[in-house]
Amino acid sequence: MNSVCALTVAQLSYTLAGKSLLQDISFELERGELTVLLGPNGAGKSTLLKCLAGEQLATGEIHYFGQKEWPAHKLAQHMALLPQQSTLSFPFTAQEVIELGSTPLALSRKECRQQAQYYSELTHTQHLRSRLYPTLSGGEKQRIHMARVLLQLHQAEQQAILLLDEPTSALDPEHQHQTLRLAHRLAHEQNYCVVVVLHDLNLAAQYGDRLLTLHQGRIFQQGTPWQVLTPETIEALYGYHTQIIAHPTMGHPVVLPL
């Protein structure tokens, strides 16, 4: 456990057009952990990620690695956000899209291309690099952008915050697990602080070290998968009945609908 948290959030609130979307959010996240944000549609998960990334101006305080004030270009080297969707429509190749992640970095052209190749291999997208980005499927685009944000964090070393907003939404089961295994490995082997928005409770149970649930813009519950994924909490959040059993080999909770 690190003495300085990667992310410290205190009394964070966000209002848009007179509607309160986040209310009095406070938590601390450590390096070396994968935290999953859960909650029903409209709970505030994506809004919270955007506030953490500085894309939306909220009230309250956010400290990154114990420090509140960061020059924008320096923070961009240590924190990256993968949004739900990209509006990019220019006929770039997938390789060029990945290389966009080098914008805040001091890399030579040669180093940029080498690292783009490395992260494409890490995300299993090396066979897509010469393809035009608009011709890719939704899932392929998602994986290309995963490579892009990992390149963005290339020089962050152990001070890295990776924010992933529904990174598996367009992926088939194989690539869902590949992406979450990679995110889990970055947290546990590279000491990243990883925050992932998911809707699949069983993926959250399998890969999350910590779960943080939101309901109507407020924190509802947080803790380990076994602490959070109870029939009572799931019914309160999502309105349906479940049974929780232990995975026969890995031991994490498995959520079964009733």
C-alpha atoms as a PDB file:
ATOM      1  CA  MET A   1       0.000   0.000   0.000  1.00  0.00           C
ATOM      2  CA  ASN A   2       1.298   3.430  -0.900  1.00  0.00           C
ATOM      3  CA  SER A   3       1.470   6.315   1.576  1.00  0.00           C
ATOM      4  CA  VAL A   4       0.104   8.732  -1.035  1.00  0.00           C
ATOM      5  CA  CYS A   5      -3.118   7.771  -2.801  1.00  0.00           C
ATOM      6  CA  ALA A   6      -3.260   7.990  -6.559  1.00  0.00           C
ATOM      7  CA  LEU A   7      -6.661   9.677  -6.462  1.00  0.00           C
ATOM      8  CA  THR A   8      -8.228  11.526  -3.544  1.00  0.00           C
ATOM      9  CA  VAL A   9     -11.707  12.943  -4.145  1.00  0.00           C
ATOM     10  CA  ALA A  10     -13.412  15.099  -1.525  1.00  0.00           C
ATOM     11  CA  GLN A  11     -17.014  16.370  -1.640  1.00  0.00           C
ATOM     12  CA  LEU A  12     -17.169  16.356  -5.434  1.00  0.00           C
ATOM     13  CA  SER A  13     -20.420  17.666  -6.935  1.00  0.00           C
ATOM     14  CA  TYR A  14     -21.424  18.483 -10.493  1.00  0.00           C
ATOM     15  CA  THR A  15     -24.505  20.291 -11.793  1.00  0.00           C
ATOM     16  CA  LEU A  16     -25.514  20.717 -15.430  1.00  0.00           C
ATOM     17  CA  ALA A  17     -28.419  22.871 -16.617  1.00  0.00           C
ATOM     18  CA  GLY A  18     -29.752  23.056 -13.088  1.00  0.00           C
ATOM     19  CA  LYS A  19     -29.723  19.283 -12.609  1.00  0.00           C
ATOM     20  CA  SER A  20     -27.442  17.746  -9.992  1.00  0.00           C
ATOM     21  CA  LEU A  21     -25.581  14.841 -11.591  1.00  0.00           C
ATOM     22  CA  LEU A  22     -23.046  14.160  -8.810  1.00  0.00           C
ATOM     23  CA  GLN A  23     -23.512  14.935  -5.142  1.00  0.00           C
ATOM     24  CA  ASP A  24     -20.909  14.947  -2.367  1.00  0.00           C
ATOM     25  CA  ILE A  25     -18.660  12.218  -3.807  1.00  0.00           C
ATOM     26  CA  SER A  26     -15.647  11.309  -1.640  1.00  0.00           C
ATOM     27  CA  PHE A  27     -13.232   8.378  -1.951  1.00  0.00           C
ATOM     28  CA  GLU A  28      -9.558   7.430  -2.170  1.00  0.00           C
ATOM     29  CA  LEU A  29      -8.013   5.090  -4.729  1.00  0.00           C
ATOM     30  CA  GLU A  30      -4.634   3.425  -4.464  1.00  0.00           C
ATOM     31  CA  ARG A  31      -2.037   2.546  -7.038  1.00  0.00           C
ATOM     32  CA  GLY A  32      -1.862  -1.152  -7.781  1.00  0.00           C
ATOM     33  CA  GLU A  33      -5.640  -1.641  -7.743  1.00  0.00           C
ATOM     34  CA  LEU A  34      -8.382  -1.985 -10.333  1.00  0.00           C
ATOM     35  CA  THR A  35     -11.571  -0.235  -9.228  1.00  0.00           C
ATOM     36  CA  VAL A  36     -14.848  -0.886 -11.052  1.00  0.00           C
ATOM     37  CA  LEU A  37     -17.589   1.761 -11.117  1.00  0.00           C
ATOM     38  CA  LEU A  38     -21.036   0.175 -11.128  1.00  0.00           C
ATOM     39  CA  GLY A  39     -24.555   1.536 -11.155  1.00  0.00           C
ATOM     40  CA  PRO A  40     -27.680   1.764 -13.301  1.00  0.00           C
ATOM     41  CA  ASN A  41     -27.952   3.969 -16.372  1.00  0.00           C
ATOM     42  CA  GLY A  42     -27.868   7.624 -15.381  1.00  0.00           C
ATOM     43  CA  ALA A  43     -26.198   6.974 -12.037  1.00  0.00           C
ATOM     44  CA  GLY A  44     -23.296   9.316 -12.874  1.00  0.00           C
ATOM     45  CA  LYS A  45     -20.499   6.888 -13.751  1.00  0.00           C
ATOM     46  CA  SER A  46     -19.358   8.508 -17.008  1.00  0.00           C
ATOM     47  CA  THR A  47     -19.855  11.981 -15.528  1.00  0.00           C
ATOM     48  CA  LEU A  48     -17.595  11.051 -12.626  1.00  0.00           C
ATOM     49  CA  LEU A  49     -14.845   9.816 -14.972  1.00  0.00           C
ATOM     50  CA  LYS A  50     -15.009  13.041 -16.974  1.00  0.00           C
ATOM     51  CA  CYS A  51     -14.746  15.083 -13.767  1.00  0.00           C
ATOM     52  CA  LEU A  52     -11.741  13.024 -12.660  1.00  0.00           C
ATOM     53  CA  ALA A  53     -10.117  13.640 -16.045  1.00  0.00           C
ATOM     54  CA  GLY A  54     -10.778  17.386 -15.836  1.00  0.00           C
ATOM     55  CA  GLU A  55     -13.101  17.380 -18.842  1.00  0.00           C
ATOM     56  CA  GLN A  56     -15.955  18.708 -16.702  1.00  0.00           C
ATOM     57  CA  LEU A  57     -15.475  21.292 -13.971  1.00  0.00           C
ATOM     58  CA  ALA A  58     -16.915  20.117 -10.673  1.00  0.00           C
ATOM     59  CA  THR A  59     -16.942  21.616  -7.206  1.00  0.00           C
ATOM     60  CA  GLY A  60     -14.970  19.933  -4.441  1.00  0.00           C
ATOM     61  CA  GLU A  61     -11.379  18.767  -4.611  1.00  0.00           C
ATOM     62  CA  ILE A  62      -9.416  16.186  -6.597  1.00  0.00           C
ATOM     63  CA  HIS A  63      -5.807  15.384  -5.746  1.00  0.00           C
ATOM     64  CA  TYR A  64      -3.643  13.309  -8.088  1.00  0.00           C
ATOM     65  CA  PHE A  65      -0.800  11.576  -6.231  1.00  0.00           C
ATOM     66  CA  GLY A  66      -1.273  13.997  -3.333  1.00  0.00           C
ATOM     67  CA  GLN A  67      -1.075  17.090  -5.528  1.00  0.00           C
ATOM     68  CA  LYS A  68      -4.009  19.305  -6.531  1.00  0.00           C
ATOM     69  CA  GLU A  69      -2.440  21.615  -9.106  1.00  0.00           C
ATOM     70  CA  TRP A  70      -0.918  20.025 -12.205  1.00  0.00           C
ATOM     71  CA  PRO A  71       0.147  21.647 -15.482  1.00  0.00           C
ATOM     72  CA  ALA A  72      -2.188  20.244 -18.126  1.00  0.00           C
ATOM     73  CA  HIS A  73       0.576  18.684 -20.229  1.00  0.00           C
ATOM     74  CA  LYS A  74       2.150  17.006 -17.184  1.00  0.00           C
ATOM     75  CA  LEU A  75      -1.162  15.569 -15.996  1.00  0.00           C
ATOM     76  CA  ALA A  76      -1.769  14.241 -19.518  1.00  0.00           C
ATOM     77  CA  GLN A  77       1.428  12.210 -19.175  1.00  0.00           C
ATOM     78  CA  HIS A  78       0.155  10.596 -15.978  1.00  0.00           C
ATOM     79  CA  MET A  79      -3.588  10.230 -16.548  1.00  0.00           C
ATOM     80  CA  ALA A  80      -5.531   9.023 -19.582  1.00  0.00           C
ATOM     81  CA  LEU A  81      -9.244   8.608 -20.247  1.00  0.00           C
ATOM     82  CA  LEU A  82     -10.705   6.127 -22.723  1.00  0.00           C
ATOM     83  CA  PRO A  83     -14.240   7.433 -23.453  1.00  0.00           C
ATOM     84  CA  GLN A  84     -17.228   5.311 -24.392  1.00  0.00           C
ATOM     85  CA  GLN A  85     -17.187   6.526 -27.991  1.00  0.00           C
ATOM     86  CA  SER A  86     -14.934   8.467 -30.319  1.00  0.00           C
ATOM     87  CA  THR A  87     -16.199  10.963 -32.889  1.00  0.00           C
ATOM     88  CA  LEU A  88     -13.023  10.636 -34.959  1.00  0.00           C
ATOM     89  CA  SER A  89     -13.992  10.310 -38.624  1.00  0.00           C
ATOM     90  CA  PHE A  90     -10.856  11.365 -40.519  1.00  0.00           C
ATOM     91  CA  PRO A  91      -9.359   8.660 -42.773  1.00  0.00           C
ATOM     92  CA  PHE A  92      -6.338   8.079 -40.540  1.00  0.00           C
ATOM     93  CA  THR A  93      -4.807   4.649 -40.418  1.00  0.00           C
ATOM     94  CA  ALA A  94      -5.178   2.777 -37.150  1.00  0.00           C
ATOM     95  CA  GLN A  95      -1.419   3.241 -36.638  1.00  0.00           C
ATOM     96  CA  GLU A  96      -1.829   7.019 -36.885  1.00  0.00           C
ATOM     97  CA  VAL A  97      -4.687   6.970 -34.376  1.00  0.00           C
ATOM     98  CA  ILE A  98      -2.533   5.063 -31.888  1.00  0.00           C
ATOM     99  CA  GLU A  99       0.282   7.564 -32.426  1.00  0.00           C
ATOM    100  CA  LEU A 100      -2.049  10.405 -31.390  1.00  0.00           C
ATOM    101  CA  GLY A 101      -1.365   9.176 -27.867  1.00  0.00           C
ATOM    102  CA  SER A 102       2.173  10.504 -28.130  1.00  0.00           C
ATOM    103  CA  THR A 103       0.999  14.150 -28.170  1.00  0.00           C
ATOM    104  CA  PRO A 104       1.999  14.979 -24.551  1.00  0.00           C
ATOM    105  CA  LEU A 105       5.220  12.964 -24.709  1.00  0.00           C
ATOM    106  CA  ALA A 106       8.818  13.808 -25.541  1.00  0.00           C
ATOM    107  CA  LEU A 107       9.304  10.986 -28.045  1.00  0.00           C
ATOM    108  CA  SER A 108      11.219  11.024 -31.289  1.00  0.00           C
ATOM    109  CA  ARG A 109       9.368   9.926 -34.421  1.00  0.00           C
ATOM    110  CA  LYS A 110      11.194   6.593 -34.345  1.00  0.00           C
ATOM    111  CA  GLU A 111      10.386   6.021 -30.676  1.00  0.00           C
ATOM    112  CA  CYS A 112       6.753   6.927 -31.292  1.00  0.00           C
ATOM    113  CA  ARG A 113       6.412   4.333 -34.038  1.00  0.00           C
ATOM    114  CA  GLN A 114       8.185   1.685 -31.956  1.00  0.00           C
ATOM    115  CA  GLN A 115       5.960   2.285 -28.940  1.00  0.00           C
ATOM    116  CA  ALA A 116       2.827   2.387 -31.084  1.00  0.00           C
ATOM    117  CA  GLN A 117       3.794  -1.030 -32.412  1.00  0.00           C
ATOM    118  CA  TYR A 118       4.404  -2.292 -28.877  1.00  0.00           C
ATOM    119  CA  TYR A 119       1.010  -1.143 -27.603  1.00  0.00           C
ATOM    120  CA  SER A 120      -0.762  -2.493 -30.667  1.00  0.00           C
ATOM    121  CA  GLU A 121       0.736  -5.885 -29.857  1.00  0.00           C
ATOM    122  CA  LEU A 122      -0.303  -5.487 -26.217  1.00  0.00           C
ATOM    123  CA  THR A 123      -3.899  -4.851 -27.293  1.00  0.00           C
ATOM    124  CA  HIS A 124      -3.904  -7.507 -30.044  1.00  0.00           C
ATOM    125  CA  THR A 125      -4.421  -4.902 -32.772  1.00  0.00           C
ATOM    126  CA  GLN A 126      -1.150  -5.210 -34.693  1.00  0.00           C
ATOM    127  CA  HIS A 127      -2.978  -6.715 -37.681  1.00  0.00           C
ATOM    128  CA  LEU A 128      -5.172  -3.594 -37.888  1.00  0.00           C
ATOM    129  CA  ARG A 129      -2.456  -0.936 -37.994  1.00  0.00           C
ATOM    130  CA  SER A 130      -2.519  -0.380 -41.772  1.00  0.00           C
ATOM    131  CA  ARG A 131      -6.326  -0.294 -41.949  1.00  0.00           C
ATOM    132  CA  LEU A 132      -8.190   2.998 -42.317  1.00  0.00           C
ATOM    133  CA  TYR A 133      -9.784   3.819 -38.969  1.00  0.00           C
ATOM    134  CA  PRO A 134     -13.330   4.510 -40.331  1.00  0.00           C
ATOM    135  CA  THR A 135     -13.449   1.008 -41.856  1.00  0.00           C
ATOM    136  CA  LEU A 136     -12.961  -0.706 -38.486  1.00  0.00           C
ATOM    137  CA  SER A 137     -15.756  -2.255 -36.460  1.00  0.00           C
ATOM    138  CA  GLY A 138     -16.843  -0.686 -33.184  1.00  0.00           C
ATOM    139  CA  GLY A 139     -14.901  -3.245 -31.175  1.00  0.00           C
ATOM    140  CA  GLU A 140     -11.763  -2.811 -33.283  1.00  0.00           C
ATOM    141  CA  LYS A 141     -11.944   0.966 -32.831  1.00  0.00           C
ATOM    142  CA  GLN A 142     -12.293   0.477 -29.069  1.00  0.00           C
ATOM    143  CA  ARG A 143      -9.128  -1.620 -28.957  1.00  0.00           C
ATOM    144  CA  ILE A 144      -7.201   0.866 -31.126  1.00  0.00           C
ATOM    145  CA  HIS A 145      -8.099   3.628 -28.679  1.00  0.00           C
ATOM    146  CA  MET A 146      -6.999   1.411 -25.810  1.00  0.00           C
ATOM    147  CA  ALA A 147      -3.572   1.233 -27.460  1.00  0.00           C
ATOM    148  CA  ARG A 148      -3.639   5.025 -27.921  1.00  0.00           C
ATOM    149  CA  VAL A 149      -4.267   5.811 -24.245  1.00  0.00           C
ATOM    150  CA  LEU A 150      -1.633   3.299 -23.139  1.00  0.00           C
ATOM    151  CA  LEU A 151       0.882   5.057 -25.395  1.00  0.00           C
ATOM    152  CA  GLN A 152      -0.174   8.328 -23.740  1.00  0.00           C
ATOM    153  CA  LEU A 153       0.886   6.875 -20.365  1.00  0.00           C
ATOM    154  CA  HIS A 154       4.161   5.502 -21.724  1.00  0.00           C
ATOM    155  CA  GLN A 155       6.377   7.851 -19.682  1.00  0.00           C
ATOM    156  CA  ALA A 156       4.217   7.830 -16.547  1.00  0.00           C
ATOM    157  CA  GLU A 157       6.059   4.884 -14.973  1.00  0.00           C
ATOM    158  CA  GLN A 158       4.422   4.189 -11.582  1.00  0.00           C
ATOM    159  CA  GLN A 159       2.447   7.440 -11.393  1.00  0.00           C
ATOM    160  CA  ALA A 160      -0.293   6.457 -13.823  1.00  0.00           C
ATOM    161  CA  ILE A 161      -4.067   6.739 -13.655  1.00  0.00           C
ATOM    162  CA  LEU A 162      -6.009   4.894 -16.357  1.00  0.00           C
ATOM    163  CA  LEU A 163      -9.731   5.713 -16.673  1.00  0.00           C
ATOM    164  CA  LEU A 164     -11.743   3.348 -18.890  1.00  0.00           C
ATOM    165  CA  ASP A 165     -15.395   4.123 -19.660  1.00  0.00           C
ATOM    166  CA  GLU A 166     -17.153   0.904 -20.693  1.00  0.00           C
ATOM    167  CA  PRO A 167     -14.086  -0.437 -22.555  1.00  0.00           C
ATOM    168  CA  THR A 168     -15.810  -3.769 -23.249  1.00  0.00           C
ATOM    169  CA  SER A 169     -19.166  -2.468 -24.537  1.00  0.00           C
ATOM    170  CA  ALA A 170     -18.472  -3.288 -28.214  1.00  0.00           C
ATOM    171  CA  LEU A 171     -16.251  -6.320 -27.675  1.00  0.00           C
ATOM    172  CA  ASP A 172     -16.911 -10.018 -28.068  1.00  0.00           C
ATOM    173  CA  PRO A 173     -16.295 -12.206 -24.974  1.00  0.00           C
ATOM    174  CA  GLU A 174     -12.708 -13.085 -25.934  1.00  0.00           C
ATOM    175  CA  HIS A 175     -11.698  -9.453 -26.331  1.00  0.00           C
ATOM    176  CA  GLN A 176     -13.628  -8.399 -23.231  1.00  0.00           C
ATOM    177  CA  HIS A 177     -11.462 -10.703 -21.153  1.00  0.00           C
ATOM    178  CA  GLN A 178      -8.283  -9.725 -23.023  1.00  0.00           C
ATOM    179  CA  THR A 179      -8.943  -6.052 -22.308  1.00  0.00           C
ATOM    180  CA  LEU A 180      -9.760  -6.554 -18.641  1.00  0.00           C
ATOM    181  CA  ARG A 181      -6.851  -8.936 -18.103  1.00  0.00           C
ATOM    182  CA  LEU A 182      -4.577  -6.243 -19.532  1.00  0.00           C
ATOM    183  CA  ALA A 183      -6.106  -3.571 -17.284  1.00  0.00           C
ATOM    184  CA  HIS A 184      -5.730  -5.866 -14.265  1.00  0.00           C
ATOM    185  CA  ARG A 185      -2.113  -6.605 -15.178  1.00  0.00           C
ATOM    186  CA  LEU A 186      -1.313  -2.896 -15.532  1.00  0.00           C
ATOM    187  CA  ALA A 187      -2.662  -2.330 -12.032  1.00  0.00           C
ATOM    188  CA  HIS A 188      -0.916  -5.265 -10.379  1.00  0.00           C
ATOM    189  CA  GLU A 189       2.360  -5.386 -12.313  1.00  0.00           C
ATOM    190  CA  GLN A 190       2.867  -1.741 -13.364  1.00  0.00           C
ATOM    191  CA  ASN A 191       1.306  -0.211 -10.225  1.00  0.00           C
ATOM    192  CA  TYR A 192      -1.270   1.762 -12.219  1.00  0.00           C
ATOM    193  CA  CYS A 193      -4.424   3.091 -10.596  1.00  0.00           C
ATOM    194  CA  VAL A 194      -7.101   1.747 -12.950  1.00  0.00           C
ATOM    195  CA  VAL A 195     -10.763   2.799 -12.859  1.00  0.00           C
ATOM    196  CA  VAL A 196     -13.197   0.965 -15.143  1.00  0.00           C
ATOM    197  CA  VAL A 197     -16.897   1.567 -15.770  1.00  0.00           C
ATOM    198  CA  LEU A 198     -18.704  -1.723 -16.391  1.00  0.00           C
ATOM    199  CA  HIS A 199     -22.280  -2.949 -16.576  1.00  0.00           C
ATOM    200  CA  ASP A 200     -21.510  -6.678 -16.441  1.00  0.00           C
ATOM    201  CA  LEU A 201     -21.531  -7.622 -12.765  1.00  0.00           C
ATOM    202  CA  ASN A 202     -19.693 -10.880 -13.336  1.00  0.00           C
ATOM    203  CA  LEU A 203     -16.844  -9.169 -15.178  1.00  0.00           C
ATOM    204  CA  ALA A 204     -16.688  -6.672 -12.314  1.00  0.00           C
ATOM    205  CA  ALA A 205     -16.548  -9.522  -9.791  1.00  0.00           C
ATOM    206  CA  GLN A 206     -13.799 -11.330 -11.683  1.00  0.00           C
ATOM    207  CA  TYR A 207     -11.457  -8.410 -12.375  1.00  0.00           C
ATOM    208  CA  GLY A 208     -12.239  -5.756  -9.784  1.00  0.00           C
ATOM    209  CA  ASP A 209     -10.143  -5.442  -6.629  1.00  0.00           C
ATOM    210  CA  ARG A 210     -12.614  -2.872  -5.400  1.00  0.00           C
ATOM    211  CA  LEU A 211     -16.130  -1.956  -6.499  1.00  0.00           C
ATOM    212  CA  LEU A 212     -17.657   1.497  -6.121  1.00  0.00           C
ATOM    213  CA  THR A 213     -21.381   1.772  -6.786  1.00  0.00           C
ATOM    214  CA  LEU A 214     -23.271   4.928  -7.700  1.00  0.00           C
ATOM    215  CA  HIS A 215     -26.990   5.604  -7.460  1.00  0.00           C
ATOM    216  CA  GLN A 216     -28.620   8.901  -8.457  1.00  0.00           C
ATOM    217  CA  GLY A 217     -25.298  10.708  -8.395  1.00  0.00           C
ATOM    218  CA  ARG A 218     -24.233   9.536  -4.950  1.00  0.00           C
ATOM    219  CA  ILE A 219     -21.969   6.774  -3.706  1.00  0.00           C
ATOM    220  CA  PHE A 220     -24.193   3.882  -2.695  1.00  0.00           C
ATOM    221  CA  GLN A 221     -21.626   1.353  -1.489  1.00  0.00           C
ATOM    222  CA  GLN A 222     -17.955   0.509  -1.948  1.00  0.00           C
ATOM    223  CA  GLY A 223     -15.760  -2.414  -1.001  1.00  0.00           C
ATOM    224  CA  THR A 224     -14.536  -5.765  -2.282  1.00  0.00           C
ATOM    225  CA  PRO A 225     -16.653  -7.762  -4.762  1.00  0.00           C
ATOM    226  CA  TRP A 226     -17.881 -10.003  -1.929  1.00  0.00           C
ATOM    227  CA  GLN A 227     -18.829  -6.983   0.170  1.00  0.00           C
ATOM    228  CA  VAL A 228     -20.672  -5.156  -2.601  1.00  0.00           C
ATOM    229  CA  LEU A 229     -22.257  -7.861  -4.756  1.00  0.00           C
ATOM    230  CA  THR A 230     -25.002  -9.001  -2.418  1.00  0.00           C
ATOM    231  CA  PRO A 231     -28.587  -9.762  -3.466  1.00  0.00           C
ATOM    232  CA  GLU A 232     -29.767  -6.807  -1.374  1.00  0.00           C
ATOM    233  CA  THR A 233     -27.412  -4.293  -3.012  1.00  0.00           C
ATOM    234  CA  ILE A 234     -28.098  -5.572  -6.529  1.00  0.00           C
ATOM    235  CA  GLU A 235     -31.857  -5.374  -5.987  1.00  0.00           C
ATOM    236  CA  ALA A 236     -31.563  -1.846  -4.580  1.00  0.00           C
ATOM    237  CA  LEU A 237     -29.447  -0.682  -7.520  1.00  0.00           C
ATOM    238  CA  TYR A 238     -30.946  -2.567 -10.443  1.00  0.00           C
ATOM    239  CA  GLY A 239     -34.323  -3.831  -9.220  1.00  0.00           C
ATOM    240  CA  TYR A 240     -33.901  -7.525  -9.915  1.00  0.00           C
ATOM    241  CA  HIS A 241     -33.424 -10.635  -7.783  1.00  0.00           C
ATOM    242  CA  THR A 242     -30.185 -12.593  -7.808  1.00  0.00           C
ATOM    243  CA  GLN A 243     -28.357 -15.439  -6.178  1.00  0.00           C
ATOM    244  CA  ILE A 244     -24.628 -15.149  -5.407  1.00  0.00           C
ATOM    245  CA  ILE A 245     -22.357 -18.195  -5.500  1.00  0.00           C
ATOM    246  CA  ALA A 246     -18.581 -18.640  -5.431  1.00  0.00           C
ATOM    247  CA  HIS A 247     -16.771 -19.398  -8.675  1.00  0.00           C
ATOM    248  CA  PRO A 248     -15.698 -23.058  -8.383  1.00  0.00           C
ATOM    249  CA  THR A 249     -12.011 -22.443  -9.217  1.00  0.00           C
ATOM    250  CA  MET A 250     -11.283 -18.715  -8.867  1.00  0.00           C
ATOM    251  CA  GLY A 251     -13.382 -18.000  -5.793  1.00  0.00           C
ATOM    252  CA  HIS A 252     -14.865 -14.652  -6.823  1.00  0.00           C
ATOM    253  CA  PRO A 253     -18.623 -14.033  -6.629  1.00  0.00           C
ATOM    254  CA  VAL A 254     -20.814 -15.173  -9.514  1.00  0.00           C
ATOM    255  CA  VAL A 255     -24.135 -13.365  -9.952  1.00  0.00           C
ATOM    256  CA  LEU A 256     -27.051 -15.532 -11.097  1.00  0.00           C
ATOM    257  CA  PRO A 257     -30.445 -13.987 -11.912  1.00  0.00           C
ATOM    258  CA  LEU A 258     -33.478 -15.567 -10.299  1.00  0.00           C
END
